[in-house]
Amino acid sequence: MVRQAALRRELEGCQLLAGIWCHGLTVAQLRSIRSSLPPTARLLVTKNSDMAAAVAGTRWEALRPCARGMNAWLFVRSDEIPPALRPYRDFQKEWKLQLNDFTGAVYEGRLYGSDDFAQLEAMPTRVQSYPVAELEKYDGGVTGFATLIV
C-alpha cells in the first residue's frame, strides 16, 4: 500500500508514463540513465503488481498490460516528451541494447505500443510548436529593449 501510494504521488502532474524493459541492466547502467534524464523526468524500478495497482482507475490504466516482465518506469512531468525519451535512446545506442526497448507508454490518455514510439520521439517541443509570428512578437520586444539599453 505504501509503495502504491508513493507511485500515485509520482503520477500526479505526469504528462507521460513509459515502461522500459530493463532485464539484464545493471544498477550502474540504471544510474547512468537516471543521471542523463532531464530534471522533469524520473526513472523508477518497482514491482509490476504495485504499478498495476497504482494505475488502476486512473488515466494511466491503459498501461497495465505492459506491467509484466522486468520493467523500469519513466515518469515525465513536462510536455517536452522527445527530450525525456532521447537519453534512453542514446543509452541504447551506446550499449547496443536493442532488446531493452520501451514496452509501452501512455500520453494524453492514449496507449503507445513499442512500435509507436517514433511518433512520441518526433513530437515537436513546446518551442517548436509555437507559431513563428508569436515568437517574432516576443523577439521584437526583446531586441527592441536591448537596442534601447545600448
N, C-alpha and C. Protein backbone atom coordinates (compact mmCIF):
# COMPACT_ATOMS: atom_id res chain seq x y z
N MET A 1 0.82 -1.21 0.00
CA MET A 1 0.00 0.00 0.00
C MET A 1 0.86 1.27 0.00
N VAL A 2 1.93 1.26 0.79
CA VAL A 2 2.79 2.44 0.87
C VAL A 2 3.45 2.69 -0.48
N ARG A 3 3.96 1.63 -1.11
CA ARG A 3 4.60 1.78 -2.42
C ARG A 3 3.61 2.26 -3.47
N GLN A 4 2.39 1.73 -3.42
CA GLN A 4 1.37 2.15 -4.38
C GLN A 4 1.01 3.62 -4.19
N ALA A 5 0.92 4.05 -2.94
CA ALA A 5 0.63 5.46 -2.67
C ALA A 5 1.76 6.35 -3.18
N ALA A 6 3.00 5.91 -3.00
CA ALA A 6 4.15 6.67 -3.49
C ALA A 6 4.11 6.76 -5.02
N LEU A 7 3.75 5.67 -5.67
CA LEU A 7 3.64 5.68 -7.14
C LEU A 7 2.52 6.60 -7.60
N ARG A 8 1.40 6.61 -6.87
CA ARG A 8 0.30 7.52 -7.23
C ARG A 8 0.74 8.97 -7.12
N ARG A 9 1.55 9.27 -6.10
CA ARG A 9 2.08 10.64 -5.96
C ARG A 9 2.99 10.98 -7.15
N GLU A 10 3.78 10.01 -7.60
CA GLU A 10 4.64 10.23 -8.78
C GLU A 10 3.80 10.52 -10.01
N LEU A 11 2.65 9.87 -10.12
CA LEU A 11 1.79 10.04 -11.29
C LEU A 11 1.13 11.42 -11.35
N GLU A 12 0.99 12.07 -10.19
CA GLU A 12 0.37 13.39 -10.16
C GLU A 12 1.24 14.37 -10.95
N GLY A 13 0.65 15.05 -11.87
CA GLY A 13 1.38 16.01 -12.68
C GLY A 13 2.18 15.40 -13.82
N CYS A 14 2.10 14.10 -13.97
CA CYS A 14 2.82 13.42 -15.05
C CYS A 14 2.14 13.70 -16.38
N GLN A 15 2.94 13.85 -17.42
CA GLN A 15 2.41 14.01 -18.77
C GLN A 15 2.53 12.70 -19.55
N LEU A 16 3.55 11.90 -19.22
CA LEU A 16 3.79 10.64 -19.91
C LEU A 16 4.32 9.63 -18.91
N LEU A 17 3.86 8.41 -19.04
CA LEU A 17 4.38 7.29 -18.25
C LEU A 17 4.77 6.21 -19.25
N ALA A 18 6.03 5.78 -19.19
CA ALA A 18 6.54 4.79 -20.14
C ALA A 18 7.22 3.65 -19.41
N GLY A 19 7.04 2.45 -19.92
CA GLY A 19 7.72 1.28 -19.40
C GLY A 19 8.93 0.96 -20.26
N ILE A 20 10.01 0.55 -19.61
CA ILE A 20 11.24 0.17 -20.31
C ILE A 20 11.62 -1.22 -19.85
N TRP A 21 11.81 -2.13 -20.79
CA TRP A 21 12.21 -3.49 -20.43
C TRP A 21 13.66 -3.42 -19.97
N CYS A 22 13.90 -3.70 -18.71
CA CYS A 22 15.24 -3.50 -18.14
C CYS A 22 15.93 -4.80 -17.77
N HIS A 23 15.47 -5.93 -18.30
CA HIS A 23 16.10 -7.22 -18.00
C HIS A 23 17.58 -7.19 -18.39
N GLY A 24 18.43 -7.52 -17.45
CA GLY A 24 19.86 -7.58 -17.72
C GLY A 24 20.61 -6.28 -17.51
N LEU A 25 19.90 -5.18 -17.25
CA LEU A 25 20.60 -3.92 -17.00
C LEU A 25 21.16 -3.94 -15.58
N THR A 26 22.35 -3.41 -15.42
CA THR A 26 22.98 -3.37 -14.11
C THR A 26 22.53 -2.13 -13.35
N VAL A 27 22.79 -2.12 -12.06
CA VAL A 27 22.48 -0.95 -11.25
C VAL A 27 23.24 0.26 -11.77
N ALA A 28 24.50 0.06 -12.14
CA ALA A 28 25.31 1.16 -12.68
C ALA A 28 24.70 1.71 -13.97
N GLN A 29 24.19 0.84 -14.82
CA GLN A 29 23.57 1.30 -16.06
C GLN A 29 22.30 2.10 -15.77
N LEU A 30 21.49 1.62 -14.82
CA LEU A 30 20.28 2.35 -14.46
C LEU A 30 20.63 3.72 -13.88
N ARG A 31 21.68 3.78 -13.08
CA ARG A 31 22.13 5.08 -12.54
C ARG A 31 22.57 6.00 -13.67
N SER A 32 23.25 5.44 -14.65
CA SER A 32 23.70 6.23 -15.79
C SER A 32 22.51 6.83 -16.55
N ILE A 33 21.49 6.02 -16.75
CA ILE A 33 20.28 6.51 -17.43
C ILE A 33 19.65 7.63 -16.60
N ARG A 34 19.51 7.39 -15.30
CA ARG A 34 18.88 8.38 -14.42
C ARG A 34 19.63 9.71 -14.46
N SER A 35 20.95 9.64 -14.45
CA SER A 35 21.73 10.88 -14.42
C SER A 35 21.65 11.66 -15.72
N SER A 36 21.29 11.00 -16.82
CA SER A 36 21.21 11.68 -18.11
C SER A 36 19.82 12.24 -18.40
N LEU A 37 18.84 11.92 -17.57
CA LEU A 37 17.48 12.40 -17.80
C LEU A 37 17.36 13.88 -17.44
N PRO A 38 16.44 14.58 -18.12
CA PRO A 38 16.20 15.98 -17.73
C PRO A 38 15.55 16.02 -16.34
N PRO A 39 15.59 17.17 -15.67
CA PRO A 39 15.03 17.26 -14.32
C PRO A 39 13.53 16.97 -14.24
N THR A 40 12.84 17.03 -15.37
CA THR A 40 11.40 16.79 -15.38
C THR A 40 11.05 15.31 -15.57
N ALA A 41 12.05 14.45 -15.63
CA ALA A 41 11.81 13.02 -15.82
C ALA A 41 12.46 12.23 -14.69
N ARG A 42 11.83 11.12 -14.35
CA ARG A 42 12.34 10.27 -13.28
C ARG A 42 12.16 8.81 -13.67
N LEU A 43 13.18 7.99 -13.43
CA LEU A 43 13.15 6.57 -13.74
C LEU A 43 13.09 5.78 -12.45
N LEU A 44 12.07 4.92 -12.31
CA LEU A 44 11.90 4.10 -11.12
C LEU A 44 11.78 2.64 -11.50
N VAL A 45 12.34 1.78 -10.67
CA VAL A 45 12.15 0.34 -10.82
C VAL A 45 11.27 -0.08 -9.66
N THR A 46 10.15 -0.71 -9.96
CA THR A 46 9.21 -1.11 -8.94
C THR A 46 8.53 -2.40 -9.36
N LYS A 47 7.89 -3.04 -8.43
CA LYS A 47 7.16 -4.27 -8.76
C LYS A 47 6.02 -3.95 -9.71
N ASN A 48 5.83 -4.81 -10.68
CA ASN A 48 4.74 -4.62 -11.63
C ASN A 48 3.37 -4.65 -10.95
N SER A 49 3.22 -5.49 -9.93
CA SER A 49 1.94 -5.54 -9.23
C SER A 49 1.64 -4.22 -8.54
N ASP A 50 2.67 -3.57 -7.99
CA ASP A 50 2.47 -2.25 -7.38
C ASP A 50 2.10 -1.21 -8.43
N MET A 51 2.78 -1.26 -9.57
CA MET A 51 2.48 -0.31 -10.64
C MET A 51 1.07 -0.53 -11.17
N ALA A 52 0.70 -1.79 -11.39
CA ALA A 52 -0.64 -2.09 -11.90
C ALA A 52 -1.71 -1.61 -10.93
N ALA A 53 -1.48 -1.79 -9.64
CA ALA A 53 -2.44 -1.32 -8.63
C ALA A 53 -2.47 0.20 -8.58
N ALA A 54 -1.33 0.85 -8.74
CA ALA A 54 -1.27 2.32 -8.68
C ALA A 54 -1.99 2.98 -9.84
N VAL A 55 -1.93 2.37 -11.03
CA VAL A 55 -2.57 2.98 -12.20
C VAL A 55 -4.04 2.58 -12.34
N ALA A 56 -4.49 1.61 -11.56
CA ALA A 56 -5.88 1.15 -11.65
C ALA A 56 -6.83 2.32 -11.38
N GLY A 57 -7.79 2.50 -12.27
CA GLY A 57 -8.79 3.54 -12.10
C GLY A 57 -8.30 4.94 -12.42
N THR A 58 -7.12 5.06 -13.03
CA THR A 58 -6.58 6.37 -13.39
C THR A 58 -6.48 6.47 -14.91
N ARG A 59 -6.06 7.62 -15.39
CA ARG A 59 -5.90 7.78 -16.84
C ARG A 59 -4.72 6.99 -17.37
N TRP A 60 -3.94 6.40 -16.48
CA TRP A 60 -2.77 5.60 -16.86
C TRP A 60 -3.09 4.11 -16.95
N GLU A 61 -4.32 3.74 -16.68
CA GLU A 61 -4.70 2.33 -16.59
C GLU A 61 -4.43 1.55 -17.88
N ALA A 62 -4.43 2.22 -19.00
CA ALA A 62 -4.17 1.53 -20.27
C ALA A 62 -2.79 0.87 -20.30
N LEU A 63 -1.90 1.29 -19.40
CA LEU A 63 -0.54 0.76 -19.38
C LEU A 63 -0.44 -0.56 -18.60
N ARG A 64 -1.51 -0.98 -17.95
CA ARG A 64 -1.47 -2.21 -17.14
C ARG A 64 -0.96 -3.44 -17.89
N PRO A 65 -1.33 -3.66 -19.16
CA PRO A 65 -0.81 -4.84 -19.85
C PRO A 65 0.71 -4.84 -20.00
N CYS A 66 1.33 -3.67 -19.92
CA CYS A 66 2.79 -3.58 -20.03
C CYS A 66 3.48 -3.89 -18.71
N ALA A 67 2.71 -4.03 -17.64
CA ALA A 67 3.28 -4.26 -16.31
C ALA A 67 3.54 -5.75 -16.09
N ARG A 68 4.41 -6.31 -16.92
CA ARG A 68 4.87 -7.68 -16.72
C ARG A 68 6.28 -7.78 -17.24
N GLY A 69 7.02 -8.69 -16.69
CA GLY A 69 8.44 -8.78 -17.04
C GLY A 69 9.23 -7.78 -16.22
N MET A 70 10.48 -7.61 -16.57
CA MET A 70 11.37 -6.68 -15.85
C MET A 70 11.21 -5.28 -16.43
N ASN A 71 10.63 -4.38 -15.67
CA ASN A 71 10.38 -3.03 -16.16
C ASN A 71 10.99 -1.97 -15.27
N ALA A 72 11.41 -0.91 -15.91
CA ALA A 72 11.69 0.36 -15.23
C ALA A 72 10.63 1.31 -15.78
N TRP A 73 10.24 2.27 -14.98
CA TRP A 73 9.15 3.16 -15.38
C TRP A 73 9.66 4.59 -15.46
N LEU A 74 9.40 5.22 -16.59
CA LEU A 74 9.82 6.59 -16.83
C LEU A 74 8.62 7.52 -16.63
N PHE A 75 8.72 8.38 -15.63
CA PHE A 75 7.69 9.37 -15.31
C PHE A 75 8.16 10.71 -15.87
N VAL A 76 7.39 11.29 -16.77
CA VAL A 76 7.77 12.57 -17.38
C VAL A 76 6.76 13.63 -16.95
N ARG A 77 7.24 14.67 -16.29
CA ARG A 77 6.38 15.72 -15.74
C ARG A 77 6.38 16.98 -16.59
N SER A 78 6.65 16.86 -17.85
CA SER A 78 6.68 18.00 -18.75
C SER A 78 6.10 17.56 -20.08
N ASP A 79 5.65 18.53 -20.87
CA ASP A 79 5.18 18.15 -22.21
C ASP A 79 6.33 18.14 -23.21
N GLU A 80 7.54 18.25 -22.73
CA GLU A 80 8.74 18.13 -23.57
C GLU A 80 9.10 16.64 -23.65
N ILE A 81 8.34 15.89 -24.42
CA ILE A 81 8.46 14.44 -24.47
C ILE A 81 9.75 13.96 -25.16
N PRO A 82 10.08 14.42 -26.37
CA PRO A 82 11.30 13.91 -27.01
C PRO A 82 12.57 14.09 -26.18
N PRO A 83 12.79 15.25 -25.53
CA PRO A 83 14.00 15.37 -24.71
C PRO A 83 14.02 14.41 -23.52
N ALA A 84 12.86 13.95 -23.07
CA ALA A 84 12.82 12.99 -21.97
C ALA A 84 13.10 11.57 -22.45
N LEU A 85 12.76 11.26 -23.69
CA LEU A 85 12.97 9.92 -24.24
C LEU A 85 14.38 9.75 -24.83
N ARG A 86 14.96 10.84 -25.31
CA ARG A 86 16.24 10.79 -26.00
C ARG A 86 17.38 10.18 -25.18
N PRO A 87 17.51 10.50 -23.88
CA PRO A 87 18.63 9.91 -23.12
C PRO A 87 18.60 8.38 -23.12
N TYR A 88 17.41 7.78 -23.06
CA TYR A 88 17.37 6.32 -23.09
C TYR A 88 17.75 5.79 -24.47
N ARG A 89 17.28 6.46 -25.53
CA ARG A 89 17.66 6.02 -26.88
C ARG A 89 19.17 6.12 -27.07
N ASP A 90 19.77 7.19 -26.56
CA ASP A 90 21.22 7.35 -26.65
C ASP A 90 21.92 6.23 -25.89
N PHE A 91 21.40 5.89 -24.72
CA PHE A 91 21.95 4.80 -23.91
C PHE A 91 21.86 3.48 -24.68
N GLN A 92 20.72 3.23 -25.31
CA GLN A 92 20.55 2.01 -26.11
C GLN A 92 21.60 1.91 -27.21
N LYS A 93 21.82 3.01 -27.91
CA LYS A 93 22.80 3.00 -29.00
C LYS A 93 24.21 2.80 -28.46
N GLU A 94 24.53 3.48 -27.36
CA GLU A 94 25.87 3.38 -26.78
C GLU A 94 26.18 1.95 -26.35
N TRP A 95 25.22 1.28 -25.73
CA TRP A 95 25.43 -0.07 -25.20
C TRP A 95 24.95 -1.16 -26.17
N LYS A 96 24.44 -0.76 -27.33
CA LYS A 96 23.93 -1.71 -28.34
C LYS A 96 22.90 -2.66 -27.73
N LEU A 97 21.89 -2.07 -27.11
CA LEU A 97 20.84 -2.83 -26.41
C LEU A 97 19.51 -2.68 -27.13
N GLN A 98 19.34 -3.32 -28.25
CA GLN A 98 18.10 -3.19 -28.99
C GLN A 98 16.94 -3.95 -28.34
N LEU A 99 17.25 -5.00 -27.57
CA LEU A 99 16.18 -5.76 -26.91
C LEU A 99 15.59 -5.01 -25.72
N ASN A 100 16.40 -4.20 -25.06
CA ASN A 100 15.91 -3.43 -23.92
C ASN A 100 15.24 -2.17 -24.44
N ASP A 101 14.02 -2.33 -24.90
CA ASP A 101 13.30 -1.23 -25.53
C ASP A 101 12.13 -0.79 -24.66
N PHE A 102 11.48 0.28 -25.09
CA PHE A 102 10.25 0.72 -24.43
C PHE A 102 9.19 -0.36 -24.63
N THR A 103 8.46 -0.67 -23.57
CA THR A 103 7.40 -1.68 -23.67
C THR A 103 6.05 -1.04 -23.98
N GLY A 104 5.90 0.22 -23.65
CA GLY A 104 4.67 0.94 -23.90
C GLY A 104 4.66 2.24 -23.13
N ALA A 105 3.71 3.10 -23.48
CA ALA A 105 3.59 4.38 -22.79
C ALA A 105 2.16 4.87 -22.90
N VAL A 106 1.79 5.73 -21.97
CA VAL A 106 0.51 6.42 -22.06
C VAL A 106 0.81 7.91 -22.09
N TYR A 107 0.27 8.56 -23.11
CA TYR A 107 0.40 10.01 -23.25
C TYR A 107 -0.95 10.54 -23.70
N GLU A 108 -1.47 11.53 -22.99
CA GLU A 108 -2.77 12.12 -23.27
C GLU A 108 -3.86 11.06 -23.37
N GLY A 109 -3.80 10.07 -22.49
CA GLY A 109 -4.83 9.04 -22.42
C GLY A 109 -4.72 7.95 -23.46
N ARG A 110 -3.75 8.02 -24.33
CA ARG A 110 -3.60 7.03 -25.40
C ARG A 110 -2.43 6.11 -25.10
N LEU A 111 -2.64 4.81 -25.33
CA LEU A 111 -1.58 3.83 -25.16
C LEU A 111 -0.74 3.77 -26.43
N TYR A 112 0.56 3.91 -26.26
CA TYR A 112 1.51 3.78 -27.36
C TYR A 112 2.27 2.48 -27.15
N GLY A 113 2.22 1.59 -28.12
CA GLY A 113 2.97 0.35 -28.04
C GLY A 113 4.43 0.60 -28.38
N SER A 114 5.23 -0.43 -28.24
CA SER A 114 6.67 -0.26 -28.50
C SER A 114 6.94 0.18 -29.94
N ASP A 115 6.07 -0.17 -30.87
CA ASP A 115 6.26 0.22 -32.27
C ASP A 115 5.82 1.66 -32.54
N ASP A 116 5.13 2.28 -31.59
CA ASP A 116 4.60 3.63 -31.79
C ASP A 116 5.49 4.74 -31.23
N PHE A 117 6.64 4.39 -30.67
CA PHE A 117 7.47 5.39 -30.01
C PHE A 117 8.05 6.42 -30.97
N ALA A 118 8.15 6.07 -32.24
CA ALA A 118 8.66 7.04 -33.22
C ALA A 118 7.76 8.28 -33.24
N GLN A 119 6.46 8.09 -33.06
CA GLN A 119 5.53 9.23 -33.01
C GLN A 119 5.83 10.13 -31.83
N LEU A 120 6.07 9.52 -30.67
CA LEU A 120 6.37 10.31 -29.47
C LEU A 120 7.72 11.02 -29.60
N GLU A 121 8.69 10.34 -30.18
CA GLU A 121 10.03 10.91 -30.31
C GLU A 121 10.08 12.02 -31.36
N ALA A 122 9.13 12.04 -32.28
CA ALA A 122 9.10 13.05 -33.34
C ALA A 122 8.20 14.23 -33.00
N MET A 123 7.56 14.20 -31.85
CA MET A 123 6.68 15.31 -31.46
C MET A 123 7.47 16.60 -31.37
N PRO A 124 6.87 17.71 -31.76
CA PRO A 124 7.58 18.98 -31.61
C PRO A 124 7.66 19.37 -30.13
N THR A 125 8.74 20.02 -29.77
CA THR A 125 8.85 20.53 -28.40
C THR A 125 7.97 21.77 -28.30
N ARG A 126 7.81 22.27 -27.11
CA ARG A 126 6.96 23.44 -26.89
C ARG A 126 7.44 24.61 -27.75
N VAL A 127 8.73 24.84 -27.80
CA VAL A 127 9.27 25.96 -28.58
C VAL A 127 9.01 25.75 -30.06
N GLN A 128 9.16 24.52 -30.54
CA GLN A 128 8.95 24.24 -31.96
C GLN A 128 7.48 24.37 -32.35
N SER A 129 6.56 24.21 -31.41
CA SER A 129 5.15 24.23 -31.75
C SER A 129 4.55 25.64 -31.74
N TYR A 130 5.27 26.63 -31.21
CA TYR A 130 4.76 28.00 -31.25
C TYR A 130 4.80 28.52 -32.67
N PRO A 131 3.75 29.24 -33.08
CA PRO A 131 3.79 29.84 -34.42
C PRO A 131 4.94 30.86 -34.50
N VAL A 132 5.52 30.97 -35.66
CA VAL A 132 6.66 31.87 -35.86
C VAL A 132 6.26 33.31 -35.53
N ALA A 133 5.05 33.71 -35.89
CA ALA A 133 4.60 35.08 -35.62
C ALA A 133 4.61 35.36 -34.12
N GLU A 134 4.22 34.38 -33.32
CA GLU A 134 4.24 34.55 -31.86
C GLU A 134 5.66 34.78 -31.38
N LEU A 135 6.59 33.98 -31.87
CA LEU A 135 7.98 34.12 -31.46
C LEU A 135 8.55 35.46 -31.90
N GLU A 136 8.20 35.88 -33.12
CA GLU A 136 8.70 37.16 -33.61
C GLU A 136 8.17 38.31 -32.78
N LYS A 137 6.92 38.19 -32.34
CA LYS A 137 6.34 39.23 -31.50
C LYS A 137 7.17 39.41 -30.23
N TYR A 138 7.53 38.29 -29.60
CA TYR A 138 8.33 38.36 -28.39
C TYR A 138 9.77 38.75 -28.70
N ASP A 139 10.29 38.24 -29.80
CA ASP A 139 11.66 38.53 -30.18
C ASP A 139 11.83 40.02 -30.46
N GLY A 140 10.87 40.61 -31.16
CA GLY A 140 10.96 42.03 -31.45
C GLY A 140 10.97 42.87 -30.19
N GLY A 141 10.18 42.47 -29.22
CA GLY A 141 10.15 43.20 -27.95
C GLY A 141 11.48 43.11 -27.22
N VAL A 142 12.06 41.95 -27.22
CA VAL A 142 13.34 41.75 -26.53
C VAL A 142 14.45 42.48 -27.27
N THR A 143 14.47 42.38 -28.59
CA THR A 143 15.50 43.03 -29.39
C THR A 143 15.38 44.54 -29.26
N GLY A 144 14.15 45.03 -29.32
CA GLY A 144 13.93 46.47 -29.19
C GLY A 144 14.41 46.98 -27.84
N PHE A 145 14.14 46.25 -26.80
CA PHE A 145 14.58 46.63 -25.45
C PHE A 145 16.09 46.63 -25.37
N ALA A 146 16.72 45.64 -25.96
CA ALA A 146 18.18 45.56 -25.94
C ALA A 146 18.79 46.73 -26.70
N THR A 147 18.16 47.15 -27.78
CA THR A 147 18.66 48.28 -28.55
C THR A 147 18.60 49.56 -27.73
N LEU A 148 17.53 49.73 -26.96
CA LEU A 148 17.39 50.92 -26.12
C LEU A 148 18.48 50.98 -25.06
N ILE A 149 18.87 49.85 -24.54
CA ILE A 149 19.88 49.81 -23.49
C ILE A 149 21.23 50.21 -24.04
N VAL A 150 21.54 49.76 -25.25
CA VAL A 150 22.84 50.04 -25.87
C VAL A 150 22.85 51.48 -26.26
